[in-house]
Amino acid sequence: MIDHYGWRSVFLAGGLATLTVVPLVFRLLPESLDFLLSRRPANAPDRVNSLARRMGQPELVALPDRDTTTPSSASGLRRLLAPDLRRPTLVLWGAFFLVMAAFYFVTSWTPALLVEAGMSSTQSLTGGTLLNLGGAFGTALLGALTARHALDDVLRVYLFASAGLVVAFAASTGTLALAFCIGALIGIAVNGCIAGLYALTLNVYSAPLRATGVGAAISVGRVGAIIAPSTAGRLLDAGWTPLALYVTTGAVFGAAGLLLLAMRVKQPTENATLAAGPTPPSP
């Protein structure tokens, strides 16, 4: 497509697609229940009851009392490390660091390492493209699975699957078709890991802390994302083989899965919030 139409045409087509899709998504997606209950925009009761009907829950006669406690950034960070949240917070930070380090190594180094393993430039680009295309399905599959199973259990399966697939991919580069198939599966798995961590963070913290909790976890993860690609380059210069790097990356995914065993998350649901109904007045 690029060879036929040129780069500018491709970017223009992508921009037009974005302008078309974003307003449609904005119109069709329902608003967050937490936002409706805390911010109380216009027609909040009707919009909450519309969500209740869609989820098969009874409608509310009146909205629950609003939680007016909004922690500042500094107090929010301290709250993340309070005794009741310290363990899940540290586990999340460790998982974000490991997963984002492994994810950015895989996505940034795969084409170059495929060339190092003996593939042509065209074949390596195809492998990298399949890896990214697989990511489009990883999040959708995660959502379908978590509708039936606990999110933390599904996420651990994704992490352990990523560990095995990354090692299998490095060992399969001699068979082109097999390597491409495994590369697409890796895209599904590793992108699902990232999406699952975001969703898990939302389950750990209450609504007033979620923005701070997610922001802090992402910040820690970005440190891993910065360190991993440059570290891979140094290890290659030191004589490491692509297989050794991929095996190490698989171990990092596996370590993140084991780390999540230390945290059992009580799954909060919007259904529970709706079922709770209005908070009775204080005596």
C-alpha atoms as a PDB file:
ATOM      1  CA  MET A   1       0.000   0.000   0.000  1.00  0.00           C
ATOM      2  CA  ILE A   2       2.821   2.400   0.891  1.00  0.00           C
ATOM      3  CA  ASP A   3       4.698   1.532  -2.317  1.00  0.00           C
ATOM      4  CA  HIS A   4       1.586   2.248  -4.384  1.00  0.00           C
ATOM      5  CA  TYR A   5       0.099   5.310  -2.653  1.00  0.00           C
ATOM      6  CA  GLY A   6       3.007   6.764  -0.649  1.00  0.00           C
ATOM      7  CA  TRP A   7       3.418   7.572   3.044  1.00  0.00           C
ATOM      8  CA  ARG A   8       1.332  10.749   3.005  1.00  0.00           C
ATOM      9  CA  SER A   9      -1.717   8.960   1.621  1.00  0.00           C
ATOM     10  CA  VAL A  10      -1.464   6.283   4.302  1.00  0.00           C
ATOM     11  CA  PHE A  11      -1.241   8.859   7.106  1.00  0.00           C
ATOM     12  CA  LEU A  12      -4.153  10.792   5.596  1.00  0.00           C
ATOM     13  CA  ALA A  13      -6.281   7.651   5.434  1.00  0.00           C
ATOM     14  CA  GLY A  14      -5.445   6.868   9.056  1.00  0.00           C
ATOM     15  CA  GLY A  15      -6.339  10.392  10.152  1.00  0.00           C
ATOM     16  CA  LEU A  16      -9.681  10.276   8.338  1.00  0.00           C
ATOM     17  CA  ALA A  17     -10.468   6.891   9.888  1.00  0.00           C
ATOM     18  CA  THR A  18      -9.714   8.301  13.342  1.00  0.00           C
ATOM     19  CA  LEU A  19     -11.960  11.315  12.767  1.00  0.00           C
ATOM     20  CA  THR A  20     -14.761   8.954  11.791  1.00  0.00           C
ATOM     21  CA  VAL A  21     -14.381   6.331  14.494  1.00  0.00           C
ATOM     22  CA  VAL A  22     -13.714   8.460  17.598  1.00  0.00           C
ATOM     23  CA  PRO A  23     -17.029  10.410  17.546  1.00  0.00           C
ATOM     24  CA  LEU A  24     -18.891   7.151  16.939  1.00  0.00           C
ATOM     25  CA  VAL A  25     -17.207   5.439  19.894  1.00  0.00           C
ATOM     26  CA  PHE A  26     -17.822   8.491  22.087  1.00  0.00           C
ATOM     27  CA  ARG A  27     -21.515   8.335  21.240  1.00  0.00           C
ATOM     28  CA  LEU A  28     -22.005   4.587  21.677  1.00  0.00           C
ATOM     29  CA  LEU A  29     -19.919   3.830  24.791  1.00  0.00           C
ATOM     30  CA  PRO A  30     -21.756   4.198  28.126  1.00  0.00           C
ATOM     31  CA  GLU A  31     -20.346   6.510  30.778  1.00  0.00           C
ATOM     32  CA  SER A  32     -18.517   5.107  33.804  1.00  0.00           C
ATOM     33  CA  LEU A  33     -20.833   4.371  36.724  1.00  0.00           C
ATOM     34  CA  ASP A  34     -18.282   5.835  39.150  1.00  0.00           C
ATOM     35  CA  PHE A  35     -18.270   9.088  37.167  1.00  0.00           C
ATOM     36  CA  LEU A  36     -22.064   9.291  37.145  1.00  0.00           C
ATOM     37  CA  LEU A  37     -22.288   8.661  40.897  1.00  0.00           C
ATOM     38  CA  SER A  38     -19.479  11.021  41.918  1.00  0.00           C
ATOM     39  CA  ARG A  39     -19.816  13.902  39.446  1.00  0.00           C
ATOM     40  CA  ARG A  40     -23.618  13.816  39.005  1.00  0.00           C
ATOM     41  CA  PRO A  41     -23.829  15.266  35.472  1.00  0.00           C
ATOM     42  CA  ALA A  42     -27.149  16.202  33.883  1.00  0.00           C
ATOM     43  CA  ASN A  43     -29.675  13.342  33.909  1.00  0.00           C
ATOM     44  CA  ALA A  44     -27.380  11.225  36.094  1.00  0.00           C
ATOM     45  CA  PRO A  45     -30.279   9.199  37.636  1.00  0.00           C
ATOM     46  CA  ASP A  46     -31.669   8.338  34.196  1.00  0.00           C
ATOM     47  CA  ARG A  47     -28.230   7.366  32.884  1.00  0.00           C
ATOM     48  CA  VAL A  48     -27.510   5.202  35.959  1.00  0.00           C
ATOM     49  CA  ASN A  49     -30.844   3.420  35.605  1.00  0.00           C
ATOM     50  CA  SER A  50     -30.205   2.925  31.905  1.00  0.00           C
ATOM     51  CA  LEU A  51     -26.990   1.110  32.842  1.00  0.00           C
ATOM     52  CA  ALA A  52     -28.896  -0.881  35.493  1.00  0.00           C
ATOM     53  CA  ARG A  53     -31.427  -2.071  32.930  1.00  0.00           C
ATOM     54  CA  ARG A  54     -28.679  -3.100  30.511  1.00  0.00           C
ATOM     55  CA  MET A  55     -26.991  -5.144  33.259  1.00  0.00           C
ATOM     56  CA  GLY A  56     -30.250  -6.709  34.434  1.00  0.00           C
ATOM     57  CA  GLN A  57     -30.189  -4.881  37.781  1.00  0.00           C
ATOM     58  CA  PRO A  58     -33.092  -3.173  39.553  1.00  0.00           C
ATOM     59  CA  GLU A  59     -33.415   0.565  39.009  1.00  0.00           C
ATOM     60  CA  LEU A  60     -32.626   3.028  41.810  1.00  0.00           C
ATOM     61  CA  VAL A  61     -35.253   5.312  43.266  1.00  0.00           C
ATOM     62  CA  ALA A  62     -32.518   7.752  44.344  1.00  0.00           C
ATOM     63  CA  LEU A  63     -28.764   7.888  43.881  1.00  0.00           C
ATOM     64  CA  PRO A  64     -26.478   6.916  46.791  1.00  0.00           C
ATOM     65  CA  ASP A  65     -24.925   9.700  48.852  1.00  0.00           C
ATOM     66  CA  ARG A  66     -21.988  11.235  47.059  1.00  0.00           C
ATOM     67  CA  ASP A  67     -18.459  10.568  48.362  1.00  0.00           C
ATOM     68  CA  THR A  68     -16.918  14.024  48.637  1.00  0.00           C
ATOM     69  CA  THR A  69     -13.454  12.853  49.713  1.00  0.00           C
ATOM     70  CA  THR A  70     -10.980  13.558  46.909  1.00  0.00           C
ATOM     71  CA  PRO A  71      -7.374  12.946  47.991  1.00  0.00           C
ATOM     72  CA  SER A  72      -4.640  15.262  46.751  1.00  0.00           C
ATOM     73  CA  SER A  73      -1.777  13.826  44.723  1.00  0.00           C
ATOM     74  CA  ALA A  74       0.564  13.738  47.729  1.00  0.00           C
ATOM     75  CA  SER A  75      -1.972  12.207  50.109  1.00  0.00           C
ATOM     76  CA  GLY A  76      -3.081   9.796  47.388  1.00  0.00           C
ATOM     77  CA  LEU A  77       0.463   8.470  46.955  1.00  0.00           C
ATOM     78  CA  ARG A  78       0.767   8.026  50.715  1.00  0.00           C
ATOM     79  CA  ARG A  79      -2.564   6.213  50.739  1.00  0.00           C
ATOM     80  CA  LEU A  80      -1.301   3.757  48.108  1.00  0.00           C
ATOM     81  CA  LEU A  81       1.374   2.625  50.569  1.00  0.00           C
ATOM     82  CA  ALA A  82      -0.877   2.548  53.635  1.00  0.00           C
ATOM     83  CA  PRO A  83      -0.802  -0.833  55.450  1.00  0.00           C
ATOM     84  CA  ASP A  84      -4.013  -2.133  53.851  1.00  0.00           C
ATOM     85  CA  LEU A  85      -2.876  -1.270  50.300  1.00  0.00           C
ATOM     86  CA  ARG A  86       0.905  -1.585  50.553  1.00  0.00           C
ATOM     87  CA  ARG A  87       1.109  -5.219  49.443  1.00  0.00           C
ATOM     88  CA  PRO A  88      -1.179  -4.982  46.370  1.00  0.00           C
ATOM     89  CA  THR A  89       0.442  -1.675  45.399  1.00  0.00           C
ATOM     90  CA  LEU A  90       3.981  -3.079  45.500  1.00  0.00           C
ATOM     91  CA  VAL A  91       2.872  -6.225  43.658  1.00  0.00           C
ATOM     92  CA  LEU A  92       1.241  -4.093  40.956  1.00  0.00           C
ATOM     93  CA  TRP A  93       4.313  -1.892  40.614  1.00  0.00           C
ATOM     94  CA  GLY A  94       6.550  -4.940  40.293  1.00  0.00           C
ATOM     95  CA  ALA A  95       4.219  -6.540  37.741  1.00  0.00           C
ATOM     96  CA  PHE A  96       3.987  -3.352  35.680  1.00  0.00           C
ATOM     97  CA  PHE A  97       7.771  -2.984  35.685  1.00  0.00           C
ATOM     98  CA  LEU A  98       8.364  -6.579  34.566  1.00  0.00           C
ATOM     99  CA  VAL A  99       5.575  -6.793  31.994  1.00  0.00           C
ATOM    100  CA  MET A 100       6.239  -3.445  30.349  1.00  0.00           C
ATOM    101  CA  ALA A 101       9.958  -4.204  30.208  1.00  0.00           C
ATOM    102  CA  ALA A 102       9.298  -7.537  28.513  1.00  0.00           C
ATOM    103  CA  PHE A 103       6.586  -6.086  26.254  1.00  0.00           C
ATOM    104  CA  TYR A 104       8.751  -3.262  24.928  1.00  0.00           C
ATOM    105  CA  PHE A 105      11.689  -5.588  24.406  1.00  0.00           C
ATOM    106  CA  VAL A 106       9.526  -7.935  22.313  1.00  0.00           C
ATOM    107  CA  THR A 107       7.862  -5.207  20.253  1.00  0.00           C
ATOM    108  CA  SER A 108      10.979  -3.113  19.630  1.00  0.00           C
ATOM    109  CA  TRP A 109      13.642  -5.782  19.092  1.00  0.00           C
ATOM    110  CA  THR A 110      11.790  -8.584  17.313  1.00  0.00           C
ATOM    111  CA  PRO A 111      12.475  -7.445  13.704  1.00  0.00           C
ATOM    112  CA  ALA A 112      16.172  -6.836  14.388  1.00  0.00           C
ATOM    113  CA  LEU A 113      16.614 -10.116  16.243  1.00  0.00           C
ATOM    114  CA  LEU A 114      14.880 -12.048  13.477  1.00  0.00           C
ATOM    115  CA  VAL A 115      17.473 -10.689  11.058  1.00  0.00           C
ATOM    116  CA  GLU A 116      20.153 -11.663  13.569  1.00  0.00           C
ATOM    117  CA  ALA A 117      18.671 -15.172  13.591  1.00  0.00           C
ATOM    118  CA  GLY A 118      19.022 -15.449   9.813  1.00  0.00           C
ATOM    119  CA  MET A 119      15.776 -14.096   8.336  1.00  0.00           C
ATOM    120  CA  SER A 120      15.703 -11.500   5.569  1.00  0.00           C
ATOM    121  CA  SER A 121      14.645  -7.908   6.279  1.00  0.00           C
ATOM    122  CA  THR A 122      11.285  -8.503   4.594  1.00  0.00           C
ATOM    123  CA  GLN A 123      10.631 -11.639   6.618  1.00  0.00           C
ATOM    124  CA  SER A 124      11.585  -9.909   9.851  1.00  0.00           C
ATOM    125  CA  LEU A 125       9.206  -7.023   9.130  1.00  0.00           C
ATOM    126  CA  THR A 126       6.431  -9.519   8.412  1.00  0.00           C
ATOM    127  CA  GLY A 127       7.081 -11.191  11.750  1.00  0.00           C
ATOM    128  CA  GLY A 128       6.971  -7.855  13.562  1.00  0.00           C
ATOM    129  CA  THR A 129       3.750  -6.911  11.767  1.00  0.00           C
ATOM    130  CA  LEU A 130       2.049 -10.188  12.679  1.00  0.00           C
ATOM    131  CA  LEU A 131       3.073  -9.668  16.288  1.00  0.00           C
ATOM    132  CA  ASN A 132       1.394  -6.252  16.328  1.00  0.00           C
ATOM    133  CA  LEU A 133      -1.684  -7.453  14.453  1.00  0.00           C
ATOM    134  CA  GLY A 134      -2.186 -10.189  17.021  1.00  0.00           C
ATOM    135  CA  GLY A 135      -2.444  -7.498  19.669  1.00  0.00           C
ATOM    136  CA  ALA A 136      -5.760  -6.340  18.197  1.00  0.00           C
ATOM    137  CA  PHE A 137      -7.316  -9.619  19.350  1.00  0.00           C
ATOM    138  CA  GLY A 138      -5.541  -9.973  22.685  1.00  0.00           C
ATOM    139  CA  THR A 139      -7.597  -7.379  24.545  1.00  0.00           C
ATOM    140  CA  ALA A 140     -10.889  -8.550  23.040  1.00  0.00           C
ATOM    141  CA  LEU A 141     -10.167 -12.125  24.099  1.00  0.00           C
ATOM    142  CA  LEU A 142      -9.209 -10.939  27.575  1.00  0.00           C
ATOM    143  CA  GLY A 143     -12.563  -9.184  27.918  1.00  0.00           C
ATOM    144  CA  ALA A 144     -14.460 -12.285  26.808  1.00  0.00           C
ATOM    145  CA  LEU A 145     -12.585 -14.498  29.272  1.00  0.00           C
ATOM    146  CA  THR A 146     -12.959 -12.140  32.232  1.00  0.00           C
ATOM    147  CA  ALA A 147     -16.718 -12.114  31.696  1.00  0.00           C
ATOM    148  CA  ARG A 148     -16.639 -15.729  32.901  1.00  0.00           C
ATOM    149  CA  HIS A 149     -13.515 -15.976  35.065  1.00  0.00           C
ATOM    150  CA  ALA A 150     -11.703 -13.887  37.676  1.00  0.00           C
ATOM    151  CA  LEU A 151      -9.482 -11.244  36.076  1.00  0.00           C
ATOM    152  CA  ASP A 152      -6.375 -12.076  38.108  1.00  0.00           C
ATOM    153  CA  ASP A 153      -6.635 -15.767  37.133  1.00  0.00           C
ATOM    154  CA  VAL A 154      -7.022 -14.905  33.435  1.00  0.00           C
ATOM    155  CA  LEU A 155      -4.122 -12.463  33.615  1.00  0.00           C
ATOM    156  CA  ARG A 156      -1.816 -15.076  35.113  1.00  0.00           C
ATOM    157  CA  VAL A 157      -2.714 -17.459  32.282  1.00  0.00           C
ATOM    158  CA  TYR A 158      -1.826 -14.704  29.807  1.00  0.00           C
ATOM    159  CA  LEU A 159       1.501 -14.097  31.532  1.00  0.00           C
ATOM    160  CA  PHE A 160       2.520 -17.751  31.655  1.00  0.00           C
ATOM    161  CA  ALA A 161       1.358 -18.227  28.056  1.00  0.00           C
ATOM    162  CA  SER A 162       3.483 -15.238  27.019  1.00  0.00           C
ATOM    163  CA  ALA A 163       6.479 -16.769  28.769  1.00  0.00           C
ATOM    164  CA  GLY A 164       6.147 -20.055  26.888  1.00  0.00           C
ATOM    165  CA  LEU A 165       5.340 -18.459  23.526  1.00  0.00           C
ATOM    166  CA  VAL A 166       8.321 -16.092  23.635  1.00  0.00           C
ATOM    167  CA  VAL A 167      10.711 -19.003  24.200  1.00  0.00           C
ATOM    168  CA  ALA A 168       8.986 -21.108  21.527  1.00  0.00           C
ATOM    169  CA  PHE A 169       9.204 -18.209  19.082  1.00  0.00           C
ATOM    170  CA  ALA A 170      12.952 -17.864  19.531  1.00  0.00           C
ATOM    171  CA  ALA A 171      13.401 -21.599  19.000  1.00  0.00           C
ATOM    172  CA  SER A 172      11.196 -21.662  15.866  1.00  0.00           C
ATOM    173  CA  THR A 173      12.946 -19.073  13.695  1.00  0.00           C
ATOM    174  CA  GLY A 174      14.323 -21.815  11.485  1.00  0.00           C
ATOM    175  CA  THR A 175      10.774 -22.664  10.332  1.00  0.00           C
ATOM    176  CA  LEU A 176       9.276 -19.550   8.804  1.00  0.00           C
ATOM    177  CA  ALA A 177       5.558 -20.444   8.881  1.00  0.00           C
ATOM    178  CA  LEU A 178       5.757 -21.710  12.471  1.00  0.00           C
ATOM    179  CA  ALA A 179       7.620 -18.594  13.610  1.00  0.00           C
ATOM    180  CA  PHE A 180       4.995 -16.344  12.026  1.00  0.00           C
ATOM    181  CA  CYS A 181       2.123 -18.253  13.665  1.00  0.00           C
ATOM    182  CA  ILE A 182       3.770 -18.115  17.077  1.00  0.00           C
ATOM    183  CA  GLY A 183       4.540 -14.409  16.538  1.00  0.00           C
ATOM    184  CA  ALA A 184       0.835 -13.686  16.017  1.00  0.00           C
ATOM    185  CA  LEU A 185       0.005 -15.623  19.197  1.00  0.00           C
ATOM    186  CA  ILE A 186       2.640 -13.644  21.103  1.00  0.00           C
ATOM    187  CA  GLY A 187       0.943 -10.441  19.970  1.00  0.00           C
ATOM    188  CA  ILE A 188      -2.357 -11.693  21.375  1.00  0.00           C
ATOM    189  CA  ALA A 189      -0.780 -12.736  24.676  1.00  0.00           C
ATOM    190  CA  VAL A 190       1.524  -9.811  25.464  1.00  0.00           C
ATOM    191  CA  ASN A 191      -1.019  -7.135  24.561  1.00  0.00           C
ATOM    192  CA  GLY A 192      -3.561  -8.931  26.714  1.00  0.00           C
ATOM    193  CA  CYS A 193      -1.059  -8.802  29.594  1.00  0.00           C
ATOM    194  CA  ILE A 194      -0.860  -5.018  29.354  1.00  0.00           C
ATOM    195  CA  ALA A 195      -4.632  -4.612  29.129  1.00  0.00           C
ATOM    196  CA  GLY A 196      -5.129  -7.010  32.026  1.00  0.00           C
ATOM    197  CA  LEU A 197      -2.779  -5.057  34.275  1.00  0.00           C
ATOM    198  CA  TYR A 198      -4.677  -1.839  33.584  1.00  0.00           C
ATOM    199  CA  ALA A 199      -7.969  -3.544  34.443  1.00  0.00           C
ATOM    200  CA  LEU A 200      -6.507  -5.184  37.549  1.00  0.00           C
ATOM    201  CA  THR A 201      -5.309  -1.815  38.847  1.00  0.00           C
ATOM    202  CA  LEU A 202      -8.844  -0.466  38.614  1.00  0.00           C
ATOM    203  CA  ASN A 203     -10.031  -3.395  40.720  1.00  0.00           C
ATOM    204  CA  VAL A 204      -7.460  -2.805  43.457  1.00  0.00           C
ATOM    205  CA  TYR A 205      -8.266   0.833  44.267  1.00  0.00           C
ATOM    206  CA  SER A 206     -11.481   2.591  45.154  1.00  0.00           C
ATOM    207  CA  ALA A 207     -12.758   5.309  42.823  1.00  0.00           C
ATOM    208  CA  PRO A 208     -11.088   8.304  44.578  1.00  0.00           C
ATOM    209  CA  LEU A 209      -7.684   6.562  44.391  1.00  0.00           C
ATOM    210  CA  ARG A 210      -7.897   5.057  40.923  1.00  0.00           C
ATOM    211  CA  ALA A 211      -6.355   7.907  38.958  1.00  0.00           C
ATOM    212  CA  THR A 212      -3.406   8.083  41.358  1.00  0.00           C
ATOM    213  CA  GLY A 213      -3.071   4.293  41.518  1.00  0.00           C
ATOM    214  CA  VAL A 214      -3.104   3.811  37.755  1.00  0.00           C
ATOM    215  CA  GLY A 215      -0.762   6.762  37.171  1.00  0.00           C
ATOM    216  CA  ALA A 216       1.753   5.515  39.729  1.00  0.00           C
ATOM    217  CA  ALA A 217       1.711   1.968  38.330  1.00  0.00           C
ATOM    218  CA  ILE A 218       2.166   3.194  34.759  1.00  0.00           C
ATOM    219  CA  SER A 219       5.062   5.431  35.841  1.00  0.00           C
ATOM    220  CA  VAL A 220       6.863   2.466  37.390  1.00  0.00           C
ATOM    221  CA  GLY A 221       6.126   0.410  34.287  1.00  0.00           C
ATOM    222  CA  ARG A 222       7.576   3.101  32.032  1.00  0.00           C
ATOM    223  CA  VAL A 223      10.884   2.765  33.853  1.00  0.00           C
ATOM    224  CA  GLY A 224      10.981  -0.869  32.778  1.00  0.00           C
ATOM    225  CA  ALA A 225       9.946   0.102  29.242  1.00  0.00           C
ATOM    226  CA  ILE A 226      12.891   2.514  29.025  1.00  0.00           C
ATOM    227  CA  ILE A 227      15.453   0.176  30.572  1.00  0.00           C
ATOM    228  CA  ALA A 228      14.628  -3.037  28.680  1.00  0.00           C
ATOM    229  CA  PRO A 229      15.429  -2.087  25.038  1.00  0.00           C
ATOM    230  CA  SER A 230      18.719  -0.412  25.929  1.00  0.00           C
ATOM    231  CA  THR A 231      19.693  -3.317  28.184  1.00  0.00           C
ATOM    232  CA  ALA A 232      18.976  -5.738  25.330  1.00  0.00           C
ATOM    233  CA  GLY A 233      21.363  -3.788  23.095  1.00  0.00           C
ATOM    234  CA  ARG A 234      24.107  -3.957  25.704  1.00  0.00           C
ATOM    235  CA  LEU A 235      23.587  -7.700  26.161  1.00  0.00           C
ATOM    236  CA  LEU A 236      23.825  -8.265  22.402  1.00  0.00           C
ATOM    237  CA  ASP A 237      27.072  -6.308  22.367  1.00  0.00           C
ATOM    238  CA  ALA A 238      28.284  -8.511  25.206  1.00  0.00           C
ATOM    239  CA  GLY A 239      27.745 -11.626  23.087  1.00  0.00           C
ATOM    240  CA  TRP A 240      24.248 -12.764  24.051  1.00  0.00           C
ATOM    241  CA  THR A 241      22.323 -14.653  21.367  1.00  0.00           C
ATOM    242  CA  PRO A 242      18.726 -13.815  20.363  1.00  0.00           C
ATOM    243  CA  LEU A 243      17.622 -17.124  21.874  1.00  0.00           C
ATOM    244  CA  ALA A 244      19.165 -16.205  25.238  1.00  0.00           C
ATOM    245  CA  LEU A 245      17.437 -12.818  25.191  1.00  0.00           C
ATOM    246  CA  TYR A 246      14.046 -14.355  24.408  1.00  0.00           C
ATOM    247  CA  VAL A 247      14.458 -17.026  27.074  1.00  0.00           C
ATOM    248  CA  THR A 248      15.257 -14.266  29.579  1.00  0.00           C
ATOM    249  CA  THR A 249      12.210 -12.318  28.434  1.00  0.00           C
ATOM    250  CA  GLY A 250      10.073 -15.415  28.886  1.00  0.00           C
ATOM    251  CA  ALA A 251      11.414 -15.707  32.426  1.00  0.00           C
ATOM    252  CA  VAL A 252      10.426 -12.073  33.059  1.00  0.00           C
ATOM    253  CA  PHE A 253       6.824 -12.776  31.972  1.00  0.00           C
ATOM    254  CA  GLY A 254       6.806 -15.884  34.157  1.00  0.00           C
ATOM    255  CA  ALA A 255       8.146 -13.907  37.125  1.00  0.00           C
ATOM    256  CA  ALA A 256       5.302 -11.404  36.734  1.00  0.00           C
ATOM    257  CA  GLY A 257       2.795 -14.247  36.762  1.00  0.00           C
ATOM    258  CA  LEU A 258       4.324 -15.676  39.939  1.00  0.00           C
ATOM    259  CA  LEU A 259       4.362 -12.223  41.500  1.00  0.00           C
ATOM    260  CA  LEU A 260       0.615 -11.870  41.010  1.00  0.00           C
ATOM    261  CA  LEU A 261       0.127 -15.020  43.081  1.00  0.00           C
ATOM    262  CA  ALA A 262       0.995 -12.829  46.061  1.00  0.00           C
ATOM    263  CA  MET A 263      -2.105 -10.719  45.506  1.00  0.00           C
ATOM    264  CA  ARG A 264      -5.676 -11.858  45.624  1.00  0.00           C
ATOM    265  CA  VAL A 265      -7.972  -9.098  44.445  1.00  0.00           C
ATOM    266  CA  LYS A 266     -11.552  -8.848  45.568  1.00  0.00           C
ATOM    267  CA  GLN A 267     -13.327  -8.203  42.298  1.00  0.00           C
ATOM    268  CA  PRO A 268     -15.481  -5.054  42.698  1.00  0.00           C
ATOM    269  CA  THR A 269     -18.321  -4.832  40.229  1.00  0.00           C
ATOM    270  CA  GLU A 270     -20.674  -2.146  39.098  1.00  0.00           C
ATOM    271  CA  ASN A 271     -23.480  -4.611  39.822  1.00  0.00           C
ATOM    272  CA  ALA A 272     -22.584  -4.489  43.510  1.00  0.00           C
ATOM    273  CA  THR A 273     -22.628  -0.709  43.490  1.00  0.00           C
ATOM    274  CA  LEU A 274     -26.045  -0.688  41.854  1.00  0.00           C
ATOM    275  CA  ALA A 275     -27.404  -3.364  44.163  1.00  0.00           C
ATOM    276  CA  ALA A 276     -26.290  -1.385  47.203  1.00  0.00           C
ATOM    277  CA  GLY A 277     -28.776   1.345  46.366  1.00  0.00           C
ATOM    278  CA  PRO A 278     -28.988   4.628  48.267  1.00  0.00           C
ATOM    279  CA  THR A 279     -26.874   4.960  51.400  1.00  0.00           C
ATOM    280  CA  PRO A 280     -29.126   5.354  54.435  1.00  0.00           C
ATOM    281  CA  PRO A 281     -28.863   8.765  56.171  1.00  0.00           C
ATOM    282  CA  SER A 282     -26.651   9.045  59.209  1.00  0.00           C
ATOM    283  CA  PRO A 283     -28.522   9.213  62.510  1.00  0.00           C
END
